[in-house]
Each structure stands twice: as C-alpha cells, then as structure tokens.
C-alpha cells in the first residue's frame, strides 16, 4: 500500500479548487488507514468501504481533527526550531470552528472528499484495487535484474509514495517560508530533549511491540511483518505522545503557553 502519510498529496490541491478546509482534507485522506493504528497492524478494510466512509472515517476524522486543533497544534509549535515556530505561530493560533451547521457540513464534506482521494489512489496501487482488477496491465510483472520481478501496481505504490512525500515536504517548506514571522512564538526549555523523548520513546515502544507480535525473522514475510509493525506502532505511539505533551503543555502554561513564550524576535533568532 502507499505510505499513509503520502496520501494528503492527492487531497490538498482540492483545498483551493473546491474551497475546502485543508486540515479536514488532510485528516480525511489519512482516515481509511486509521484502523491500522487502532488495532496496531497493517490490515483491515472497513475504512476502505462505502459504509466505513461514513461510519468510521467521518467520525474518527472529526475526533482527530478536534484533538489536533484543540490539544496538539499550538503546543507542537513549541517543538519546532525557533525560526519555524515564529512563522507557524500565527496560523497555529487561529481558531478552527466546527460550527454552526453550514461550517460543520463543510468540514464533513472535506473529510469525506479526502477519504475518497485515498480510496481512488489505492484503487490503482493495490493488487485487489478496482482499477487494477479491471486494467490488467497493472498486474503485469516487470523484470528487475538481480531483484526478480515487480508488478506495475507495486511500482506505482513505491513511486507514488515517494512523489507524494516529496510534494508534501516541498509544499510545507514553501508555505512556511511565505508566513510572516511573528514577534513571539511558543517556546520550550529543553526542546531537543522533549523531541528526543517523543521520538525515541515511540521508537522503543514500536520495536518492542514488533518483536512481541512478529514471528522469528526467518523469511521475507516475517521481516515484512516486523517492519510494518514497527511503522504502525511508531505512528500510534507518537500520536499518543503528542496528545500527552499537548495536554501537559496547556496545563502548565495555558493554551497559548504564556509562561514558556520567548518575548522577543531577537531571542528566537
């Protein structure tokens, strides 16, 4: 499957074309794979079905979207380097309303559109995808000397994951560079230590979980399960860590972190 976090590359351009919420499109485009992170294994198709679109993707996306904007977004700015925090601070401080009714409908629409872009992408890059099943060329095996063969759909998975990830990195960098620096921004003493704690803690938990659930690494399939288990568990653990950090930050410093804000641009340089 294409990497979950490359999927927003297909959804975000619709924010301008259809005038939809970028963050709702972003979260919605991830949502069919949320089931992986809930059950800690890269399997489960309900989020990729029509009933799942409304019964799973929509409600869970609204929850994740609310947690991001109410708990994680502001404190996460304090984890960025000072120059990036100053440029992201103003956008992070803007409220994200979920109502009244028309606004809520727009948010839900963006979530659903994002989820559909995910499923359309998967239809081309999954062996059992609708397009792959009806377009046999995607199932054709291509020779790779020294590595055997690879089906066209699998090549599409790897290529689209790389292209999507690079596009997201480029868009993020371009957006950040275009934001006017704020005179102040959330800051955190020991920022590197906090980042290391979140990342290393998530990695340790992920590897420990993968070693627990994966069979002995005596075959390619066992190695594949081990790696996928690490990726899924790492993403889940990191999200929980960010939620806990966001809650702690707001408890200690308030929603905007006044006690931890550096008060001049010079201090942020």
C-alpha atoms as a PDB file:
ATOM      1  CA  UNK A   1       0.000   0.000   0.000  1.00  0.00           C
ATOM      2  CA  UNK A   2       1.183   3.594  -0.487  1.00  0.00           C
ATOM      3  CA  UNK A   3       2.502   5.067   2.759  1.00  0.00           C
ATOM      4  CA  UNK A   4      -0.424   6.538   4.677  1.00  0.00           C
ATOM      5  CA  UNK A   5       1.184   9.930   5.195  1.00  0.00           C
ATOM      6  CA  UNK A   6       1.784  10.469   1.468  1.00  0.00           C
ATOM      7  CA  UNK A   7      -1.960  10.403   0.760  1.00  0.00           C
ATOM      8  CA  UNK A   8      -2.588  14.101   1.578  1.00  0.00           C
ATOM      9  CA  UNK A   9      -0.618  14.979  -1.552  1.00  0.00           C
ATOM     10  CA  UNK A  10      -3.663  13.925  -3.588  1.00  0.00           C
ATOM     11  CA  UNK A  11      -6.175  15.758  -1.379  1.00  0.00           C
ATOM     12  CA  UNK A  12      -4.594  19.109  -0.532  1.00  0.00           C
ATOM     13  CA  UNK A  13      -4.758  20.600  -4.059  1.00  0.00           C
ATOM     14  CA  UNK A  14      -8.556  20.335  -3.747  1.00  0.00           C
ATOM     15  CA  UNK A  15      -8.490  22.883  -0.914  1.00  0.00           C
ATOM     16  CA  UNK A  16      -8.000  25.668  -3.450  1.00  0.00           C
ATOM     17  CA  UNK A  17     -10.012  24.182  -6.298  1.00  0.00           C
ATOM     18  CA  UNK A  18     -13.058  23.275  -4.189  1.00  0.00           C
ATOM     19  CA  UNK A  19     -12.512  25.801  -1.364  1.00  0.00           C
ATOM     20  CA  UNK A  20     -12.398  23.094   1.288  1.00  0.00           C
ATOM     21  CA  UNK A  21     -10.641  23.046   4.663  1.00  0.00           C
ATOM     22  CA  UNK A  22      -7.012  21.920   4.168  1.00  0.00           C
ATOM     23  CA  UNK A  23      -6.719  20.300   7.588  1.00  0.00           C
ATOM     24  CA  UNK A  24     -10.019  18.422   7.148  1.00  0.00           C
ATOM     25  CA  UNK A  25      -8.850  17.216   3.723  1.00  0.00           C
ATOM     26  CA  UNK A  26      -5.526  16.196   5.244  1.00  0.00           C
ATOM     27  CA  UNK A  27      -7.045  14.184   8.079  1.00  0.00           C
ATOM     28  CA  UNK A  28      -9.734  12.718   5.855  1.00  0.00           C
ATOM     29  CA  UNK A  29      -7.122  11.496   3.368  1.00  0.00           C
ATOM     30  CA  UNK A  30      -5.460   9.519   6.168  1.00  0.00           C
ATOM     31  CA  UNK A  31      -8.645   8.177   7.721  1.00  0.00           C
ATOM     32  CA  UNK A  32      -9.191   4.922   5.776  1.00  0.00           C
ATOM     33  CA  UNK A  33      -5.908   3.702   7.322  1.00  0.00           C
ATOM     34  CA  UNK A  34      -6.764   4.792  10.873  1.00  0.00           C
ATOM     35  CA  UNK A  35      -7.933   1.248  11.551  1.00  0.00           C
ATOM     36  CA  UNK A  36      -4.309   0.115  11.255  1.00  0.00           C
ATOM     37  CA  UNK A  37      -3.220   2.429  14.032  1.00  0.00           C
ATOM     38  CA  UNK A  38      -6.122   1.459  16.281  1.00  0.00           C
ATOM     39  CA  UNK A  39      -5.507  -2.275  16.031  1.00  0.00           C
ATOM     40  CA  UNK A  40      -1.712  -1.912  15.665  1.00  0.00           C
ATOM     41  CA  UNK A  41      -1.400  -3.954  12.493  1.00  0.00           C
ATOM     42  CA  UNK A  42      -1.454  -3.027   8.816  1.00  0.00           C
ATOM     43  CA  UNK A  43      -4.644  -4.857   7.923  1.00  0.00           C
ATOM     44  CA  UNK A  44      -8.336  -4.086   7.962  1.00  0.00           C
ATOM     45  CA  UNK A  45     -10.547  -2.972   5.111  1.00  0.00           C
ATOM     46  CA  UNK A  46     -13.595  -1.398   6.784  1.00  0.00           C
ATOM     47  CA  UNK A  47     -12.198   2.105   6.433  1.00  0.00           C
ATOM     48  CA  UNK A  48     -11.895   1.499   2.688  1.00  0.00           C
ATOM     49  CA  UNK A  49     -15.552   0.576   2.184  1.00  0.00           C
ATOM     50  CA  UNK A  50     -18.582   2.750   1.463  1.00  0.00           C
ATOM     51  CA  UNK A  51     -20.177   2.090   4.896  1.00  0.00           C
ATOM     52  CA  UNK A  52     -16.784   2.665   6.508  1.00  0.00           C
ATOM     53  CA  UNK A  53     -16.546   6.048   4.821  1.00  0.00           C
ATOM     54  CA  UNK A  54     -19.483   7.316   6.891  1.00  0.00           C
ATOM     55  CA  UNK A  55     -19.362   5.053   9.961  1.00  0.00           C
ATOM     56  CA  UNK A  56     -15.602   5.011  10.527  1.00  0.00           C
ATOM     57  CA  UNK A  57     -13.685   7.604   8.502  1.00  0.00           C
ATOM     58  CA  UNK A  58     -16.009  10.543   9.168  1.00  0.00           C
ATOM     59  CA  UNK A  59     -16.493  10.278  12.952  1.00  0.00           C
ATOM     60  CA  UNK A  60     -12.894   9.323  13.662  1.00  0.00           C
ATOM     61  CA  UNK A  61     -11.581  12.100  11.431  1.00  0.00           C
ATOM     62  CA  UNK A  62     -13.702  14.659  13.279  1.00  0.00           C
ATOM     63  CA  UNK A  63     -12.273  13.411  16.574  1.00  0.00           C
ATOM     64  CA  UNK A  64      -8.677  13.545  15.312  1.00  0.00           C
ATOM     65  CA  UNK A  65      -9.288  16.963  13.781  1.00  0.00           C
ATOM     66  CA  UNK A  66     -10.696  18.271  17.069  1.00  0.00           C
ATOM     67  CA  UNK A  67      -7.770  16.847  19.061  1.00  0.00           C
ATOM     68  CA  UNK A  68      -5.265  18.352  16.638  1.00  0.00           C
ATOM     69  CA  UNK A  69      -6.718  21.843  16.767  1.00  0.00           C
ATOM     70  CA  UNK A  70      -7.641  21.869  20.452  1.00  0.00           C
ATOM     71  CA  UNK A  71      -4.814  19.894  22.049  1.00  0.00           C
ATOM     72  CA  UNK A  72      -1.821  19.306  19.774  1.00  0.00           C
ATOM     73  CA  UNK A  73      -1.463  22.132  17.244  1.00  0.00           C
ATOM     74  CA  UNK A  74      -0.436  25.016  19.482  1.00  0.00           C
ATOM     75  CA  UNK A  75       1.947  23.112  21.759  1.00  0.00           C
ATOM     76  CA  UNK A  76       3.504  21.344  18.748  1.00  0.00           C
ATOM     77  CA  UNK A  77       4.772  24.716  17.514  1.00  0.00           C
ATOM     78  CA  UNK A  78       6.997  24.882  20.599  1.00  0.00           C
ATOM     79  CA  UNK A  79       8.774  21.743  19.382  1.00  0.00           C
ATOM     80  CA  UNK A  80       9.838  23.416  16.121  1.00  0.00           C
ATOM     81  CA  UNK A  81      13.121  25.262  15.629  1.00  0.00           C
ATOM     82  CA  UNK A  82      12.791  28.918  16.633  1.00  0.00           C
ATOM     83  CA  UNK A  83      12.705  30.302  13.067  1.00  0.00           C
ATOM     84  CA  UNK A  84       9.969  27.822  12.077  1.00  0.00           C
ATOM     85  CA  UNK A  85       7.991  28.357  15.286  1.00  0.00           C
ATOM     86  CA  UNK A  86       7.810  32.107  14.643  1.00  0.00           C
ATOM     87  CA  UNK A  87       6.464  31.513  11.125  1.00  0.00           C
ATOM     88  CA  UNK A  88       3.942  28.864  12.185  1.00  0.00           C
ATOM     89  CA  UNK A  89       2.769  30.620  15.353  1.00  0.00           C
ATOM     90  CA  UNK A  90       0.147  32.866  13.774  1.00  0.00           C
ATOM     91  CA  UNK A  91      -1.507  30.054  11.812  1.00  0.00           C
ATOM     92  CA  UNK A  92      -1.438  27.775  14.856  1.00  0.00           C
ATOM     93  CA  UNK A  93      -3.121  30.449  16.985  1.00  0.00           C
ATOM     94  CA  UNK A  94      -6.078  30.839  14.633  1.00  0.00           C
ATOM     95  CA  UNK A  95      -9.259  29.152  15.935  1.00  0.00           C
ATOM     96  CA  UNK A  96     -10.757  26.299  13.954  1.00  0.00           C
ATOM     97  CA  UNK A  97     -14.563  26.397  14.288  1.00  0.00           C
ATOM     98  CA  UNK A  98     -16.624  23.248  13.821  1.00  0.00           C
ATOM     99  CA  UNK A  99     -19.947  25.118  13.723  1.00  0.00           C
ATOM    100  CA  UNK A 100     -22.519  26.414  13.112  1.00  0.00           C
ATOM    101  CA  UNK A 101     -24.337  23.970  10.837  1.00  0.00           C
ATOM    102  CA  UNK A 102     -23.031  25.171   7.468  1.00  0.00           C
ATOM    103  CA  UNK A 103     -19.453  25.199   8.727  1.00  0.00           C
ATOM    104  CA  UNK A 104     -19.826  21.692  10.148  1.00  0.00           C
ATOM    105  CA  UNK A 105     -21.203  20.499   6.816  1.00  0.00           C
ATOM    106  CA  UNK A 106     -18.190  21.996   5.036  1.00  0.00           C
ATOM    107  CA  UNK A 107     -15.794  20.253   7.435  1.00  0.00           C
ATOM    108  CA  UNK A 108     -17.564  16.906   6.978  1.00  0.00           C
ATOM    109  CA  UNK A 109     -17.529  17.343   3.199  1.00  0.00           C
ATOM    110  CA  UNK A 110     -13.796  17.996   3.222  1.00  0.00           C
ATOM    111  CA  UNK A 111     -13.187  14.908   5.377  1.00  0.00           C
ATOM    112  CA  UNK A 112     -15.204  12.705   3.022  1.00  0.00           C
ATOM    113  CA  UNK A 113     -13.555  14.134  -0.088  1.00  0.00           C
ATOM    114  CA  UNK A 114     -10.145  13.492   1.453  1.00  0.00           C
ATOM    115  CA  UNK A 115     -11.092   9.898   2.265  1.00  0.00           C
ATOM    116  CA  UNK A 116     -12.310   9.350  -1.307  1.00  0.00           C
ATOM    117  CA  UNK A 117      -8.966  10.547  -2.723  1.00  0.00           C
ATOM    118  CA  UNK A 118      -7.300   7.916  -0.533  1.00  0.00           C
ATOM    119  CA  UNK A 119      -9.509   5.151  -1.887  1.00  0.00           C
ATOM    120  CA  UNK A 120      -9.060   6.289  -5.501  1.00  0.00           C
ATOM    121  CA  UNK A 121      -5.272   6.247  -5.068  1.00  0.00           C
ATOM    122  CA  UNK A 122      -5.452   2.755  -3.546  1.00  0.00           C
ATOM    123  CA  UNK A 123      -7.617   1.539  -6.444  1.00  0.00           C
ATOM    124  CA  UNK A 124      -4.595   1.972  -8.730  1.00  0.00           C
ATOM    125  CA  UNK A 125      -1.902   0.714  -6.353  1.00  0.00           C
ATOM    126  CA  UNK A 126      -3.449  -2.341  -4.656  1.00  0.00           C
ATOM    127  CA  UNK A 127      -3.486  -5.806  -6.163  1.00  0.00           C
ATOM    128  CA  UNK A 128      -7.193  -6.071  -5.395  1.00  0.00           C
ATOM    129  CA  UNK A 129      -7.960  -2.433  -6.251  1.00  0.00           C
ATOM    130  CA  UNK A 130     -10.872  -1.810  -8.590  1.00  0.00           C
ATOM    131  CA  UNK A 131      -8.703  -0.244 -11.297  1.00  0.00           C
ATOM    132  CA  UNK A 132      -6.016  -2.920 -11.005  1.00  0.00           C
ATOM    133  CA  UNK A 133      -8.620  -5.671 -11.375  1.00  0.00           C
ATOM    134  CA  UNK A 134     -10.121  -4.017 -14.460  1.00  0.00           C
ATOM    135  CA  UNK A 135      -6.866  -2.888 -16.038  1.00  0.00           C
ATOM    136  CA  UNK A 136      -4.668  -5.993 -16.360  1.00  0.00           C
ATOM    137  CA  UNK A 137      -1.584  -4.001 -17.333  1.00  0.00           C
ATOM    138  CA  UNK A 138      -1.255  -3.005 -13.668  1.00  0.00           C
ATOM    139  CA  UNK A 139      -0.832  -6.675 -12.727  1.00  0.00           C
ATOM    140  CA  UNK A 140       1.912  -7.274 -15.311  1.00  0.00           C
ATOM    141  CA  UNK A 141       5.264  -8.277 -13.846  1.00  0.00           C
ATOM    142  CA  UNK A 142       8.245  -6.135 -14.807  1.00  0.00           C
ATOM    143  CA  UNK A 143      11.762  -7.610 -14.666  1.00  0.00           C
ATOM    144  CA  UNK A 144      14.372  -6.034 -12.404  1.00  0.00           C
ATOM    145  CA  UNK A 145      17.740  -7.746 -12.970  1.00  0.00           C
ATOM    146  CA  UNK A 146      19.140  -9.004  -9.713  1.00  0.00           C
ATOM    147  CA  UNK A 147      15.869  -8.400  -7.863  1.00  0.00           C
ATOM    148  CA  UNK A 148      13.395 -10.606  -9.722  1.00  0.00           C
ATOM    149  CA  UNK A 149      10.143  -9.060 -10.914  1.00  0.00           C
ATOM    150  CA  UNK A 150       7.725  -6.448  -9.630  1.00  0.00           C
ATOM    151  CA  UNK A 151       4.110  -5.860 -10.705  1.00  0.00           C
ATOM    152  CA  UNK A 152       3.237  -2.482 -12.175  1.00  0.00           C
ATOM    153  CA  UNK A 153       0.816  -1.678  -9.336  1.00  0.00           C
ATOM    154  CA  UNK A 154       3.587  -2.280  -6.786  1.00  0.00           C
ATOM    155  CA  UNK A 155       5.889   0.016  -8.713  1.00  0.00           C
ATOM    156  CA  UNK A 156       3.070   2.553  -8.586  1.00  0.00           C
ATOM    157  CA  UNK A 157       2.860   2.136  -4.810  1.00  0.00           C
ATOM    158  CA  UNK A 158       6.540   2.856  -4.297  1.00  0.00           C
ATOM    159  CA  UNK A 159       6.750   5.640  -6.861  1.00  0.00           C
ATOM    160  CA  UNK A 160       3.588   7.450  -5.745  1.00  0.00           C
ATOM    161  CA  UNK A 161       4.638   7.193  -2.092  1.00  0.00           C
ATOM    162  CA  UNK A 162       7.973   8.845  -2.883  1.00  0.00           C
ATOM    163  CA  UNK A 163       6.469  11.532  -5.112  1.00  0.00           C
ATOM    164  CA  UNK A 164       3.667  12.261  -2.633  1.00  0.00           C
ATOM    165  CA  UNK A 165       6.083  12.541   0.269  1.00  0.00           C
ATOM    166  CA  UNK A 166       8.398  14.868  -1.652  1.00  0.00           C
ATOM    167  CA  UNK A 167       5.473  17.062  -2.728  1.00  0.00           C
ATOM    168  CA  UNK A 168       4.240  17.372   0.852  1.00  0.00           C
ATOM    169  CA  UNK A 169       7.733  18.281   2.075  1.00  0.00           C
ATOM    170  CA  UNK A 170       8.089  20.908  -0.659  1.00  0.00           C
ATOM    171  CA  UNK A 171       4.612  22.399  -0.078  1.00  0.00           C
ATOM    172  CA  UNK A 172       5.248  22.555   3.674  1.00  0.00           C
ATOM    173  CA  UNK A 173       8.584  24.281   3.187  1.00  0.00           C
ATOM    174  CA  UNK A 174       7.127  26.760   0.692  1.00  0.00           C
ATOM    175  CA  UNK A 175       4.167  27.518   2.963  1.00  0.00           C
ATOM    176  CA  UNK A 176       6.435  28.043   5.959  1.00  0.00           C
ATOM    177  CA  UNK A 177       8.739  30.381   4.071  1.00  0.00           C
ATOM    178  CA  UNK A 178       5.768  32.503   2.980  1.00  0.00           C
ATOM    179  CA  UNK A 179       4.438  33.046   6.502  1.00  0.00           C
ATOM    180  CA  UNK A 180       5.380  36.367   8.133  1.00  0.00           C
ATOM    181  CA  UNK A 181       7.467  35.838  11.278  1.00  0.00           C
ATOM    182  CA  UNK A 182       5.550  36.579  14.457  1.00  0.00           C
ATOM    183  CA  UNK A 183       7.241  38.758  17.102  1.00  0.00           C
ATOM    184  CA  UNK A 184       6.710  35.968  19.636  1.00  0.00           C
ATOM    185  CA  UNK A 185       6.040  32.274  19.421  1.00  0.00           C
ATOM    186  CA  UNK A 186       5.575  29.361  21.819  1.00  0.00           C
ATOM    187  CA  UNK A 187       8.915  28.095  23.018  1.00  0.00           C
ATOM    188  CA  UNK A 188      10.018  25.336  25.334  1.00  0.00           C
ATOM    189  CA  UNK A 189      13.059  24.961  27.520  1.00  0.00           C
ATOM    190  CA  UNK A 190      14.831  21.744  26.592  1.00  0.00           C
ATOM    191  CA  UNK A 191      13.089  21.484  23.214  1.00  0.00           C
ATOM    192  CA  UNK A 192      15.608  18.975  21.853  1.00  0.00           C
ATOM    193  CA  UNK A 193      15.178  16.806  24.923  1.00  0.00           C
ATOM    194  CA  UNK A 194      11.408  16.791  24.522  1.00  0.00           C
ATOM    195  CA  UNK A 195      11.711  15.890  20.839  1.00  0.00           C
ATOM    196  CA  UNK A 196      14.157  13.117  21.632  1.00  0.00           C
ATOM    197  CA  UNK A 197      11.873  11.777  24.344  1.00  0.00           C
ATOM    198  CA  UNK A 198       8.888  11.676  21.995  1.00  0.00           C
ATOM    199  CA  UNK A 199      10.748  10.138  19.056  1.00  0.00           C
ATOM    200  CA  UNK A 200      12.975   7.701  20.931  1.00  0.00           C
ATOM    201  CA  UNK A 201      10.158   6.708  23.269  1.00  0.00           C
ATOM    202  CA  UNK A 202       7.858   5.963  20.323  1.00  0.00           C
ATOM    203  CA  UNK A 203      10.639   4.046  18.559  1.00  0.00           C
ATOM    204  CA  UNK A 204      11.433   1.896  21.612  1.00  0.00           C
ATOM    205  CA  UNK A 205       7.767   1.062  22.135  1.00  0.00           C
ATOM    206  CA  UNK A 206       7.343   0.293  18.428  1.00  0.00           C
ATOM    207  CA  UNK A 207      10.327  -2.056  18.213  1.00  0.00           C
ATOM    208  CA  UNK A 208       9.333  -3.785  21.446  1.00  0.00           C
ATOM    209  CA  UNK A 209       5.806  -4.315  20.138  1.00  0.00           C
ATOM    210  CA  UNK A 210       7.053  -5.584  16.769  1.00  0.00           C
ATOM    211  CA  UNK A 211       9.361  -8.099  18.435  1.00  0.00           C
ATOM    212  CA  UNK A 212       6.429  -9.306  20.504  1.00  0.00           C
ATOM    213  CA  UNK A 213       3.969  -9.822  17.628  1.00  0.00           C
ATOM    214  CA  UNK A 214       6.242 -10.766  14.717  1.00  0.00           C
ATOM    215  CA  UNK A 215       7.397 -14.361  14.136  1.00  0.00           C
ATOM    216  CA  UNK A 216      11.123 -15.195  14.046  1.00  0.00           C
ATOM    217  CA  UNK A 217      12.818 -13.276  11.241  1.00  0.00           C
ATOM    218  CA  UNK A 218      13.482 -16.322   9.091  1.00  0.00           C
ATOM    219  CA  UNK A 219      11.659 -15.297   5.931  1.00  0.00           C
ATOM    220  CA  UNK A 220      10.827 -12.248   3.832  1.00  0.00           C
ATOM    221  CA  UNK A 221       7.216 -12.301   5.034  1.00  0.00           C
ATOM    222  CA  UNK A 222       8.323 -12.321   8.673  1.00  0.00           C
ATOM    223  CA  UNK A 223      10.681  -9.400   8.042  1.00  0.00           C
ATOM    224  CA  UNK A 224       7.908  -7.523   6.233  1.00  0.00           C
ATOM    225  CA  UNK A 225       5.519  -8.041   9.152  1.00  0.00           C
ATOM    226  CA  UNK A 226       8.219  -6.878  11.573  1.00  0.00           C
ATOM    227  CA  UNK A 227       8.877  -3.649   9.634  1.00  0.00           C
ATOM    228  CA  UNK A 228       5.177  -2.888   9.123  1.00  0.00           C
ATOM    229  CA  UNK A 229       4.512  -3.490  12.822  1.00  0.00           C
ATOM    230  CA  UNK A 230       7.255  -1.021  13.732  1.00  0.00           C
ATOM    231  CA  UNK A 231       5.866   1.654  11.398  1.00  0.00           C
ATOM    232  CA  UNK A 232       2.271   1.286  12.588  1.00  0.00           C
ATOM    233  CA  UNK A 233       3.181   1.135  16.276  1.00  0.00           C
ATOM    234  CA  UNK A 234       5.584   4.075  15.969  1.00  0.00           C
ATOM    235  CA  UNK A 235       2.914   6.310  14.400  1.00  0.00           C
ATOM    236  CA  UNK A 236       0.376   5.298  17.058  1.00  0.00           C
ATOM    237  CA  UNK A 237       2.800   5.838  19.931  1.00  0.00           C
ATOM    238  CA  UNK A 238       3.947   9.199  18.557  1.00  0.00           C
ATOM    239  CA  UNK A 239       0.352  10.443  18.265  1.00  0.00           C
ATOM    240  CA  UNK A 240      -0.393   9.408  21.846  1.00  0.00           C
ATOM    241  CA  UNK A 241       2.842  11.087  22.935  1.00  0.00           C
ATOM    242  CA  UNK A 242       1.864  14.330  21.187  1.00  0.00           C
ATOM    243  CA  UNK A 243      -1.558  14.241  22.836  1.00  0.00           C
ATOM    244  CA  UNK A 244       0.018  13.819  26.270  1.00  0.00           C
ATOM    245  CA  UNK A 245       2.575  16.530  25.552  1.00  0.00           C
ATOM    246  CA  UNK A 246      -0.128  18.917  24.332  1.00  0.00           C
ATOM    247  CA  UNK A 247      -2.229  18.287  27.426  1.00  0.00           C
ATOM    248  CA  UNK A 248       0.785  18.786  29.732  1.00  0.00           C
ATOM    249  CA  UNK A 249       1.867  21.948  27.923  1.00  0.00           C
ATOM    250  CA  UNK A 250      -1.559  23.527  28.228  1.00  0.00           C
ATOM    251  CA  UNK A 251      -1.871  22.519  31.873  1.00  0.00           C
ATOM    252  CA  UNK A 252       1.493  24.055  32.703  1.00  0.00           C
ATOM    253  CA  UNK A 253       1.413  27.117  30.503  1.00  0.00           C
ATOM    254  CA  UNK A 254      -2.154  27.663  29.299  1.00  0.00           C
ATOM    255  CA  UNK A 255      -3.435  27.154  25.744  1.00  0.00           C
ATOM    256  CA  UNK A 256      -1.026  29.737  24.300  1.00  0.00           C
ATOM    257  CA  UNK A 257       1.868  28.881  26.560  1.00  0.00           C
ATOM    258  CA  UNK A 258       2.473  32.347  28.079  1.00  0.00           C
ATOM    259  CA  UNK A 259       4.909  31.106  30.679  1.00  0.00           C
ATOM    260  CA  UNK A 260       7.025  29.441  28.002  1.00  0.00           C
ATOM    261  CA  UNK A 261       6.935  32.137  25.316  1.00  0.00           C
ATOM    262  CA  UNK A 262      10.091  33.965  24.411  1.00  0.00           C
ATOM    263  CA  UNK A 263       9.083  37.597  24.217  1.00  0.00           C
ATOM    264  CA  UNK A 264      11.303  38.977  21.502  1.00  0.00           C
ATOM    265  CA  UNK A 265      12.298  38.124  17.976  1.00  0.00           C
ATOM    266  CA  UNK A 266      15.952  38.504  18.969  1.00  0.00           C
ATOM    267  CA  UNK A 267      15.627  35.657  21.433  1.00  0.00           C
ATOM    268  CA  UNK A 268      14.143  33.483  18.683  1.00  0.00           C
ATOM    269  CA  UNK A 269      16.974  34.051  16.201  1.00  0.00           C
END
